[in-house]
C-alpha atoms as a PDB file:
ATOM      1  CA  LEU A   1      -8.770  16.317  14.786  1.00  0.00           C
ATOM      2  CA  ILE A   2     -10.629  13.309  16.170  1.00  0.00           C
ATOM      3  CA  PHE A   3      -9.136  10.500  14.116  1.00  0.00           C
ATOM      4  CA  TYR A   4      -5.539  11.700  14.043  1.00  0.00           C
ATOM      5  CA  PHE A   5      -4.603  14.168  16.784  1.00  0.00           C
ATOM      6  CA  ILE A   6      -6.859  12.859  19.557  1.00  0.00           C
ATOM      7  CA  VAL A   7      -6.205   9.183  18.749  1.00  0.00           C
ATOM      8  CA  ASN A   8      -2.439   9.756  18.606  1.00  0.00           C
ATOM      9  CA  PHE A   9      -2.243  12.316  21.410  1.00  0.00           C
ATOM     10  CA  GLN A  10      -0.450   9.929  23.771  1.00  0.00           C
ATOM     11  CA  SER A  11       1.905   8.832  20.992  1.00  0.00           C
ATOM     12  CA  PHE A  12       3.087  12.415  20.496  1.00  0.00           C
ATOM     13  CA  GLY A  13       4.225  12.476  24.111  1.00  0.00           C
ATOM     14  CA  MET A  14       5.844   9.030  23.887  1.00  0.00           C
ATOM     15  CA  ALA A  15       8.004  10.256  20.997  1.00  0.00           C
ATOM     16  CA  PHE A  16       9.984  12.315  23.515  1.00  0.00           C
ATOM     17  CA  GLN A  17       9.976   9.747  26.331  1.00  0.00           C
ATOM     18  CA  THR A  18      11.797   6.588  27.389  1.00  0.00           C
ATOM     19  CA  TYR A  19      10.291   3.552  29.112  1.00  0.00           C
ATOM     20  CA  THR A  20      12.461   2.726  32.132  1.00  0.00           C
ATOM     21  CA  THR A  21      13.153  -0.623  33.792  1.00  0.00           C
ATOM     22  CA  GLU A  22      10.968   0.575  36.677  1.00  0.00           C
ATOM     23  CA  GLY A  23       7.977   0.519  34.339  1.00  0.00           C
ATOM     24  CA  GLU A  24       7.573   4.273  33.945  1.00  0.00           C
ATOM     25  CA  PHE A  25       7.662   6.722  31.050  1.00  0.00           C
ATOM     26  CA  VAL A  26      10.188   9.524  31.650  1.00  0.00           C
ATOM     27  CA  TRP A  27      10.910  12.581  29.499  1.00  0.00           C
ATOM     28  CA  ASP A  28      14.151  11.503  27.871  1.00  0.00           C
ATOM     29  CA  ILE A  29      14.649  11.377  24.097  1.00  0.00           C
ATOM     30  CA  SER A  30      18.163   9.912  24.201  1.00  0.00           C
ATOM     31  CA  TYR A  31      16.956   6.292  23.823  1.00  0.00           C
ATOM     32  CA  ASN A  32      14.963   7.156  20.704  1.00  0.00           C
ATOM     33  CA  LEU A  33      17.895   8.980  19.129  1.00  0.00           C
ATOM     34  CA  THR A  34      20.175   6.019  19.875  1.00  0.00           C
ATOM     35  CA  GLU A  35      17.721   3.611  18.248  1.00  0.00           C
ATOM     36  CA  LEU A  36      17.405   5.933  15.257  1.00  0.00           C
ATOM     37  CA  SER A  37      21.171   5.921  14.708  1.00  0.00           C
ATOM     38  CA  LEU A  38      21.205   2.139  15.135  1.00  0.00           C
ATOM     39  CA  TYR A  39      18.655   1.572  12.370  1.00  0.00           C
ATOM     40  CA  SER A  40      19.616   4.553  10.200  1.00  0.00           C
ATOM     41  CA  LYS A  41      21.557   2.397   7.712  1.00  0.00           C
ATOM     42  CA  TYR A  42      18.378   0.376   7.032  1.00  0.00           C
ATOM     43  CA  LEU A  43      15.812   3.169   7.162  1.00  0.00           C
ATOM     44  CA  TRP A  44      16.751   4.579   3.761  1.00  0.00           C
ATOM     45  CA  ALA A  45      16.304   1.164   2.138  1.00  0.00           C
ATOM     46  CA  TRP A  46      12.954   0.683   3.902  1.00  0.00           C
ATOM     47  CA  ALA A  47      11.840   4.175   2.872  1.00  0.00           C
ATOM     48  CA  LYS A  48      12.801   3.376  -0.742  1.00  0.00           C
ATOM     49  CA  ASN A  49      10.756   0.166  -0.565  1.00  0.00           C
ATOM     50  CA  SER A  50       7.779   2.104   0.828  1.00  0.00           C
ATOM     51  CA  ILE A  51       8.020   4.596  -2.040  1.00  0.00           C
ATOM     52  CA  LEU A  52       8.262   1.786  -4.618  1.00  0.00           C
ATOM     53  CA  VAL A  53       5.165   0.109  -3.167  1.00  0.00           C
ATOM     54  CA  TRP A  54       3.319   3.426  -3.305  1.00  0.00           C
ATOM     55  CA  LEU A  55       4.372   4.078  -6.910  1.00  0.00           C
ATOM     56  CA  VAL A  56       3.272   0.623  -8.089  1.00  0.00           C
ATOM     57  CA  THR A  57      -0.036   0.692  -6.224  1.00  0.00           C
ATOM     58  CA  SER A  58      -0.682   4.238  -7.442  1.00  0.00           C
ATOM     59  CA  PHE A  59      -0.071   3.162 -11.038  1.00  0.00           C
ATOM     60  CA  PHE A  60      -2.377   0.165 -10.652  1.00  0.00           C
ATOM     61  CA  GLY A  61      -4.917   2.193  -8.726  1.00  0.00           C
ATOM     62  CA  THR A  62      -4.949   5.201 -11.044  1.00  0.00           C
ATOM     63  CA  VAL A  63      -3.972   4.394 -14.623  1.00  0.00           C
ATOM     64  CA  LEU A  64      -4.976   0.734 -14.870  1.00  0.00           C
ATOM     65  CA  ALA A  65      -7.961   1.023 -12.518  1.00  0.00           C
ATOM     66  CA  VAL A  66      -9.441   3.890 -14.537  1.00  0.00           C
ATOM     67  CA  ILE A  67      -8.963   1.960 -17.800  1.00  0.00           C
ATOM     68  CA  PHE A  68     -10.507  -1.233 -16.397  1.00  0.00           C
ATOM     69  CA  SER A  69     -13.346   0.759 -14.820  1.00  0.00           C
ATOM     70  CA  TYR A  70     -14.074   2.422 -18.130  1.00  0.00           C
ATOM     71  CA  TYR A  71     -14.022  -0.958 -19.885  1.00  0.00           C
ATOM     72  CA  ILE A  72     -16.539  -2.313 -17.384  1.00  0.00           C
ATOM     73  CA  TYR A  73     -18.591   0.888 -17.539  1.00  0.00           C
ATOM     74  CA  LYS A  74     -18.906   0.529 -21.325  1.00  0.00           C
ATOM     75  CA  LYS A  75     -20.006  -3.130 -20.833  1.00  0.00           C
ATOM     76  CA  ARG A  76     -17.460  -4.531 -23.241  1.00  0.00           C
ATOM     77  CA  LEU A  77     -16.621  -8.206 -23.858  1.00  0.00           C
ATOM     78  CA  PHE A  78     -16.032 -10.281 -20.690  1.00  0.00           C
ATOM     79  CA  CYS A  79     -16.663  -7.225 -18.495  1.00  0.00           C
ATOM     80  CA  ASN A  80     -18.592  -9.327 -15.947  1.00  0.00           C
ATOM     81  CA  ILE A  81     -15.696 -11.799 -15.669  1.00  0.00           C
ATOM     82  CA  PHE A  82     -13.282  -8.928 -15.078  1.00  0.00           C
ATOM     83  CA  LYS A  83     -15.657  -7.506 -12.503  1.00  0.00           C
ATOM     84  CA  PHE A  84     -15.812 -10.825 -10.625  1.00  0.00           C
ATOM     85  CA  VAL A  85     -12.029 -11.343 -10.617  1.00  0.00           C
ATOM     86  CA  LEU A  86     -11.237  -7.771  -9.615  1.00  0.00           C
ATOM     87  CA  PHE A  87     -13.889  -7.542  -6.888  1.00  0.00           C
ATOM     88  CA  LEU A  88     -12.976 -10.917  -5.365  1.00  0.00           C
ATOM     89  CA  PRO A  89     -10.314  -9.481  -2.989  1.00  0.00           C
ATOM     90  CA  SER A  90     -12.931  -7.060  -1.645  1.00  0.00           C
ATOM     91  CA  VAL A  91     -15.285  -9.920  -0.742  1.00  0.00           C
ATOM     92  CA  ILE A  92     -12.892 -12.453   0.790  1.00  0.00           C
ATOM     93  CA  PRO A  93     -11.430 -11.509   4.227  1.00  0.00           C
ATOM     94  CA  GLY A  94      -7.872 -10.196   3.953  1.00  0.00           C
ATOM     95  CA  ILE A  95      -6.300 -12.854   6.187  1.00  0.00           C
ATOM     96  CA  LEU A  96      -8.018 -15.687   4.296  1.00  0.00           C
ATOM     97  CA  LEU A  97      -6.920 -14.186   0.986  1.00  0.00           C
ATOM     98  CA  GLY A  98      -3.358 -13.945   2.318  1.00  0.00           C
ATOM     99  CA  ILE A  99      -3.370 -17.612   3.366  1.00  0.00           C
ATOM    100  CA  MET A 100      -4.659 -18.628  -0.084  1.00  0.00           C
ATOM    101  CA  PHE A 101      -1.964 -16.545  -1.781  1.00  0.00           C
ATOM    102  CA  TYR A 102       0.741 -17.947   0.506  1.00  0.00           C
ATOM    103  CA  HIS A 103      -0.108 -21.582  -0.316  1.00  0.00           C
ATOM    104  CA  PHE A 104      -0.848 -20.964  -4.001  1.00  0.00           C
ATOM    105  CA  VAL A 105       2.418 -19.124  -4.702  1.00  0.00           C
ATOM    106  CA  GLY A 106       4.525 -20.990  -2.157  1.00  0.00           C
ATOM    107  CA  SER A 107       3.308 -24.556  -2.769  1.00  0.00           C
ATOM    108  CA  GLY A 108       0.838 -24.676  -5.663  1.00  0.00           C
ATOM    109  CA  ILE A 109       2.916 -23.042  -8.395  1.00  0.00           C
ATOM    110  CA  PRO A 110       6.177 -24.930  -7.534  1.00  0.00           C
ATOM    111  CA  ALA A 111       4.246 -28.218  -7.556  1.00  0.00           C
ATOM    112  CA  TYR A 112       2.575 -27.398 -10.872  1.00  0.00           C
ATOM    113  CA  THR A 113       5.887 -26.461 -12.508  1.00  0.00           C
ATOM    114  CA  ARG A 114       7.554 -29.582 -11.044  1.00  0.00           C
ATOM    115  CA  GLY A 115      10.341 -27.656  -9.410  1.00  0.00           C
ATOM    116  CA  ALA A 116      10.972 -25.166 -12.196  1.00  0.00           C
ATOM    117  CA  LEU A 117       9.843 -22.458  -9.769  1.00  0.00           C
ATOM    118  CA  ILE A 118      10.617 -22.637  -6.068  1.00  0.00           C
ATOM    119  CA  ASN A 119       8.790 -21.502  -2.946  1.00  0.00           C
ATOM    120  CA  ILE A 120       9.510 -17.760  -2.748  1.00  0.00           C
ATOM    121  CA  PHE A 121       8.653 -17.748   0.966  1.00  0.00           C
ATOM    122  CA  ASP A 122      11.530 -20.147   1.703  1.00  0.00           C
ATOM    123  CA  THR A 123      14.341 -17.621   2.048  1.00  0.00           C
ATOM    124  CA  PRO A 124      17.283 -20.082   2.305  1.00  0.00           C
ATOM    125  CA  ALA A 125      16.141 -21.964  -0.825  1.00  0.00           C
ATOM    126  CA  LEU A 126      15.488 -18.679  -2.613  1.00  0.00           C
ATOM    127  CA  LYS A 127      18.985 -17.378  -1.875  1.00  0.00           C
ATOM    128  CA  ALA A 128      20.592 -20.718  -2.756  1.00  0.00           C
ATOM    129  CA  THR A 129      18.939 -20.638  -6.182  1.00  0.00           C
ATOM    130  CA  TYR A 130      19.070 -16.974  -7.112  1.00  0.00           C
ATOM    131  CA  GLY A 131      21.820 -15.503  -4.901  1.00  0.00           C
ATOM    132  CA  GLU A 132      21.832 -12.885  -2.152  1.00  0.00           C
ATOM    133  CA  ASN A 133      19.571 -10.452  -4.018  1.00  0.00           C
ATOM    134  CA  ALA A 134      16.907 -13.103  -4.552  1.00  0.00           C
ATOM    135  CA  VAL A 135      14.602 -11.653  -1.900  1.00  0.00           C
ATOM    136  CA  ARG A 136      13.885  -8.780  -4.294  1.00  0.00           C
ATOM    137  CA  ILE A 137      11.880 -11.331  -6.266  1.00  0.00           C
ATOM    138  CA  ARG A 138       9.630 -11.794  -3.256  1.00  0.00           C
ATOM    139  CA  PHE A 139       9.441  -8.042  -2.721  1.00  0.00           C
ATOM    140  CA  TRP A 140       8.035  -7.494  -6.210  1.00  0.00           C
ATOM    141  CA  VAL A 141       5.648 -10.448  -5.885  1.00  0.00           C
ATOM    142  CA  MET A 142       4.352  -9.028  -2.595  1.00  0.00           C
ATOM    143  CA  THR A 143       4.090  -5.556  -4.136  1.00  0.00           C
ATOM    144  CA  PHE A 144       2.018  -6.972  -6.994  1.00  0.00           C
ATOM    145  CA  TYR A 145      -0.216  -8.717  -4.437  1.00  0.00           C
ATOM    146  CA  THR A 146      -0.672  -5.466  -2.492  1.00  0.00           C
ATOM    147  CA  ALA A 147      -1.629  -3.636  -5.677  1.00  0.00           C
ATOM    148  CA  TRP A 148      -4.017  -6.402  -6.739  1.00  0.00           C
ATOM    149  CA  ILE A 149      -5.997  -6.624  -3.498  1.00  0.00           C
ATOM    150  CA  SER A 150      -6.574  -2.855  -3.481  1.00  0.00           C
ATOM    151  CA  PHE A 151      -7.343  -2.777  -7.195  1.00  0.00           C
ATOM    152  CA  GLY A 152     -10.918  -4.057  -6.940  1.00  0.00           C
ATOM    153  CA  SER A 153     -12.105  -1.483  -4.421  1.00  0.00           C
ATOM    154  CA  GLN A 154     -10.750   1.349  -6.557  1.00  0.00           C
ATOM    155  CA  VAL A 155     -12.376  -0.079  -9.685  1.00  0.00           C
ATOM    156  CA  LEU A 156     -15.628  -0.309  -7.728  1.00  0.00           C
ATOM    157  CA  VAL A 157     -15.446   3.360  -6.711  1.00  0.00           C
ATOM    158  CA  TYR A 158     -14.430   4.554 -10.174  1.00  0.00           C
ATOM    159  CA  THR A 159     -17.174   2.531 -11.857  1.00  0.00           C
ATOM    160  CA  GLY A 160     -19.699   4.005  -9.432  1.00  0.00           C
ATOM    161  CA  ALA A 161     -18.443   7.504 -10.208  1.00  0.00           C
ATOM    162  CA  MET A 162     -18.719   6.834 -13.945  1.00  0.00           C
ATOM    163  CA  ASP A 163     -22.296   5.669 -13.511  1.00  0.00           C
ATOM    164  CA  GLN A 164     -23.109   9.122 -12.099  1.00  0.00           C
ATOM    165  CA  ILE A 165     -22.074  10.881 -15.330  1.00  0.00           C
ATOM    166  CA  PRO A 166     -25.243  12.175 -17.035  1.00  0.00           C
ATOM    167  CA  THR A 167     -26.119  10.071 -20.066  1.00  0.00           C
ATOM    168  CA  GLU A 168     -26.870  13.276 -21.978  1.00  0.00           C
ATOM    169  CA  VAL A 169     -23.184  14.261 -21.769  1.00  0.00           C
ATOM    170  CA  ILE A 170     -22.052  10.866 -23.091  1.00  0.00           C
ATOM    171  CA  GLU A 171     -24.635  10.940 -25.875  1.00  0.00           C
ATOM    172  CA  ALA A 172     -23.629  14.474 -26.869  1.00  0.00           C
ATOM    173  CA  GLY A 173     -20.037  13.333 -27.206  1.00  0.00           C
ATOM    174  CA  GLN A 174     -21.069  10.342 -29.298  1.00  0.00           C
ATOM    175  CA  LEU A 175     -23.087  12.601 -31.597  1.00  0.00           C
ATOM    176  CA  ASP A 176     -19.949  14.692 -32.067  1.00  0.00           C
ATOM    177  CA  GLY A 177     -18.106  11.541 -33.090  1.00  0.00           C
ATOM    178  CA  VAL A 178     -15.708  11.136 -30.141  1.00  0.00           C
ATOM    179  CA  SER A 179     -13.693   7.924 -30.142  1.00  0.00           C
ATOM    180  CA  PHE A 180     -13.564   5.367 -27.324  1.00  0.00           C
ATOM    181  CA  MET A 181     -10.342   6.760 -25.862  1.00  0.00           C
ATOM    182  CA  ARG A 182     -11.263  10.413 -26.530  1.00  0.00           C
ATOM    183  CA  GLU A 183     -14.443   9.913 -24.493  1.00  0.00           C
ATOM    184  CA  LEU A 184     -12.346   8.501 -21.640  1.00  0.00           C
ATOM    185  CA  ARG A 185      -9.799  11.334 -21.811  1.00  0.00           C
ATOM    186  CA  SER A 186     -12.094  14.316 -22.350  1.00  0.00           C
ATOM    187  CA  ILE A 187     -15.378  13.367 -20.670  1.00  0.00           C
ATOM    188  CA  VAL A 188     -15.102  10.447 -18.267  1.00  0.00           C
ATOM    189  CA  PHE A 189     -11.744  11.080 -16.590  1.00  0.00           C
ATOM    190  CA  PRO A 190     -12.407  14.765 -15.766  1.00  0.00           C
ATOM    191  CA  SER A 191     -15.762  13.703 -14.284  1.00  0.00           C
ATOM    192  CA  ILE A 192     -14.213  11.159 -11.890  1.00  0.00           C
ATOM    193  CA  LEU A 193     -11.132  13.241 -11.052  1.00  0.00           C
ATOM    194  CA  PRO A 194     -12.370  13.998  -7.490  1.00  0.00           C
ATOM    195  CA  SER A 195     -12.462  10.242  -6.742  1.00  0.00           C
ATOM    196  CA  VAL A 196      -9.002   9.747  -8.272  1.00  0.00           C
ATOM    197  CA  GLY A 197      -7.660  12.670  -6.247  1.00  0.00           C
ATOM    198  CA  THR A 198      -9.031  11.213  -3.019  1.00  0.00           C
ATOM    199  CA  PHE A 199      -7.196   7.932  -3.594  1.00  0.00           C
ATOM    200  CA  LEU A 200      -3.962   9.760  -4.480  1.00  0.00           C
ATOM    201  CA  ILE A 201      -4.065  11.884  -1.324  1.00  0.00           C
ATOM    202  CA  ALA A 202      -4.906   8.875   0.862  1.00  0.00           C
ATOM    203  CA  GLY A 203      -2.070   6.905  -0.756  1.00  0.00           C
ATOM    204  CA  VAL A 204       0.483   9.609   0.026  1.00  0.00           C
ATOM    205  CA  ALA A 205      -0.799   9.940   3.587  1.00  0.00           C
ATOM    206  CA  GLY A 206      -0.281   6.190   4.128  1.00  0.00           C
ATOM    207  CA  LEU A 207       3.127   6.124   2.446  1.00  0.00           C
ATOM    208  CA  PHE A 208       5.095   4.989   5.509  1.00  0.00           C
ATOM    209  CA  SER A 209       2.357   2.920   7.168  1.00  0.00           C
ATOM    210  CA  ASN A 210       2.003   0.397   4.330  1.00  0.00           C
ATOM    211  CA  GLN A 211       3.628  -2.899   5.384  1.00  0.00           C
ATOM    212  CA  ASN A 212       3.204  -4.448   1.902  1.00  0.00           C
ATOM    213  CA  ASN A 213       1.189  -7.324   3.429  1.00  0.00           C
ATOM    214  CA  LEU A 214       4.384  -8.923   4.741  1.00  0.00           C
ATOM    215  CA  PHE A 215       2.909  -9.374   8.197  1.00  0.00           C
ATOM    216  CA  ASN A 216      -0.457 -10.590   6.870  1.00  0.00           C
ATOM    217  CA  ILE A 217       1.189 -13.409   4.931  1.00  0.00           C
ATOM    218  CA  MET A 218       4.479 -14.140   6.713  1.00  0.00           C
ATOM    219  CA  GLY A 219       3.863 -12.760  10.190  1.00  0.00           C
ATOM    220  CA  MET A 220       6.976 -12.377  12.346  1.00  0.00           C
ATOM    221  CA  ASN A 221       8.923 -14.777  10.137  1.00  0.00           C
ATOM    222  CA  THR A 222      12.650 -14.461  10.767  1.00  0.00           C
ATOM    223  CA  ASN A 223      13.225 -15.295   7.092  1.00  0.00           C
ATOM    224  CA  ILE A 224      11.997 -11.824   6.106  1.00  0.00           C
ATOM    225  CA  ASP A 225      15.115 -10.094   4.842  1.00  0.00           C
ATOM    226  CA  LEU A 226      15.951  -6.551   5.899  1.00  0.00           C
ATOM    227  CA  SER A 227      16.206  -5.482   2.241  1.00  0.00           C
ATOM    228  CA  GLU A 228      12.534  -6.256   1.528  1.00  0.00           C
ATOM    229  CA  GLN A 229      10.963  -4.560   4.547  1.00  0.00           C
ATOM    230  CA  THR A 230       9.064  -1.293   4.459  1.00  0.00           C
ATOM    231  CA  VAL A 231       8.893   1.365   7.145  1.00  0.00           C
ATOM    232  CA  GLY A 232       5.357   0.223   7.978  1.00  0.00           C
ATOM    233  CA  TYR A 233       6.414  -3.389   8.497  1.00  0.00           C
ATOM    234  CA  PHE A 234       9.420  -2.371  10.586  1.00  0.00           C
ATOM    235  CA  LEU A 235       7.272  -0.234  12.899  1.00  0.00           C
ATOM    236  CA  TYR A 236       4.700  -3.005  13.329  1.00  0.00           C
ATOM    237  CA  SER A 237       7.262  -5.752  13.945  1.00  0.00           C
ATOM    238  CA  TYR A 238       9.432  -3.538  16.176  1.00  0.00           C
ATOM    239  CA  VAL A 239       6.608  -3.011  18.654  1.00  0.00           C
ATOM    240  CA  LEU A 240       5.643  -6.697  18.623  1.00  0.00           C
ATOM    241  CA  LYS A 241       9.225  -7.849  19.173  1.00  0.00           C
ATOM    242  CA  SER A 242       9.857  -5.360  21.995  1.00  0.00           C
ATOM    243  CA  ALA A 243       9.459  -6.542  25.567  1.00  0.00           C
ATOM    244  CA  GLY A 244       6.424  -4.918  27.167  1.00  0.00           C
ATOM    245  CA  LYS A 245       6.155  -1.216  26.367  1.00  0.00           C
ATOM    246  CA  THR A 246       9.827  -0.615  25.574  1.00  0.00           C
ATOM    247  CA  GLY A 247       9.128  -0.359  21.840  1.00  0.00           C
ATOM    248  CA  TYR A 248       6.370   2.212  22.119  1.00  0.00           C
ATOM    249  CA  THR A 249       8.594   5.258  22.493  1.00  0.00           C
ATOM    250  CA  PHE A 250      10.875   4.713  19.491  1.00  0.00           C
ATOM    251  CA  ALA A 251       7.940   3.615  17.300  1.00  0.00           C
ATOM    252  CA  SER A 252       6.148   6.836  18.269  1.00  0.00           C
ATOM    253  CA  PHE A 253       9.285   8.876  17.593  1.00  0.00           C
ATOM    254  CA  LEU A 254       9.850   7.325  14.152  1.00  0.00           C
ATOM    255  CA  GLY A 255       6.142   7.612  13.351  1.00  0.00           C
ATOM    256  CA  LEU A 256       6.246  11.317  14.190  1.00  0.00           C
ATOM    257  CA  CYS A 257       9.305  11.788  11.947  1.00  0.00           C
ATOM    258  CA  CYS A 258       7.481  10.030   9.091  1.00  0.00           C
ATOM    259  CA  THR A 259       4.465  12.278   9.673  1.00  0.00           C
ATOM    260  CA  LEU A 260       6.600  15.402   9.415  1.00  0.00           C
ATOM    261  CA  ILE A 261       7.909  14.131   6.062  1.00  0.00           C
ATOM    262  CA  VAL A 262       4.564  13.025   4.636  1.00  0.00           C
ATOM    263  CA  LEU A 263       2.470  15.969   5.859  1.00  0.00           C
ATOM    264  CA  PRO A 264       3.803  18.633   3.445  1.00  0.00           C
ATOM    265  CA  ILE A 265       3.781  16.110   0.584  1.00  0.00           C
ATOM    266  CA  SER A 266       0.125  15.299   1.277  1.00  0.00           C
ATOM    267  CA  PHE A 267      -0.826  18.980   1.293  1.00  0.00           C
ATOM    268  CA  GLY A 268       1.155  19.468  -1.914  1.00  0.00           C
ATOM    269  CA  VAL A 269      -0.696  16.622  -3.644  1.00  0.00           C
ATOM    270  CA  ARG A 270      -3.995  18.034  -2.400  1.00  0.00           C
ATOM    271  CA  LYS A 271      -3.121  21.439  -3.868  1.00  0.00           C
ATOM    272  CA  LEU A 272      -2.314  19.828  -7.215  1.00  0.00           C
ATOM    273  CA  VAL A 273      -5.609  17.924  -7.179  1.00  0.00           C
ATOM    274  CA  GLU A 274      -7.559  21.077  -6.298  1.00  0.00           C
ATOM    275  CA  ARG A 275      -5.805  22.943  -9.101  1.00  0.00           C
ATOM    276  CA  ALA A 276      -6.657  20.176 -11.559  1.00  0.00           C
ATOM    277  CA  LEU A 277     -10.313  20.323 -10.522  1.00  0.00           C
ATOM    278  CA  LYS A 278     -10.590  24.043 -11.264  1.00  0.00           C
END
């Protein structure tokens, strides 16, 4: 109630208003509907990109994160090195990490390969080399980056949850002769399922607000192609590009539409998680 409805209370009203040239908000939804029809041909592509980002980050954050967490939990070979590399994004500020990634991928790798790979953030050069669909390369690189920077925090939480499993339970399984993977599947994973469920529900709830770190790394760069944007990036950039408060009403309207789509899905995922915990 506090962190969603009260914080967004004014936005709910703006979804059905228009900001006039006189500097006032009036109850008129026609402007928002016009804008929706104007961007409708792109919204499906942006929604698809948002879903792809969620699927990739969910895979990294659930399947791979649980496996890496278990590897670290069992203190296997090079576990401390993995821990350092995976936790690094959680220590370095996000903007600084984005700048490092931008220069490393955009300048460092092309220089190291002596031109074999080009700067993926240079859209004209990217299209000249790989054609009109070349920006999809950057989309997948950015999606990998988004998954990587959230990977460490999830591994940290999962490892902490694994540390709370009673040692007697683990030892009992070992006495029964369970294998490495059987212990993960039958003992460890069911024990950390509440933590996994929390991340899944939060991921679905933020489905259309994820801007895939496009703004963090490229800002309001005009070279960002429409085919690589997500709904979250469009909403953020739309408000910034709008003059004054003119963008608030349509952003609120589209945000409310996204909420109506995501809300039942979030409750459905929560029901599935609760059923799995029983």
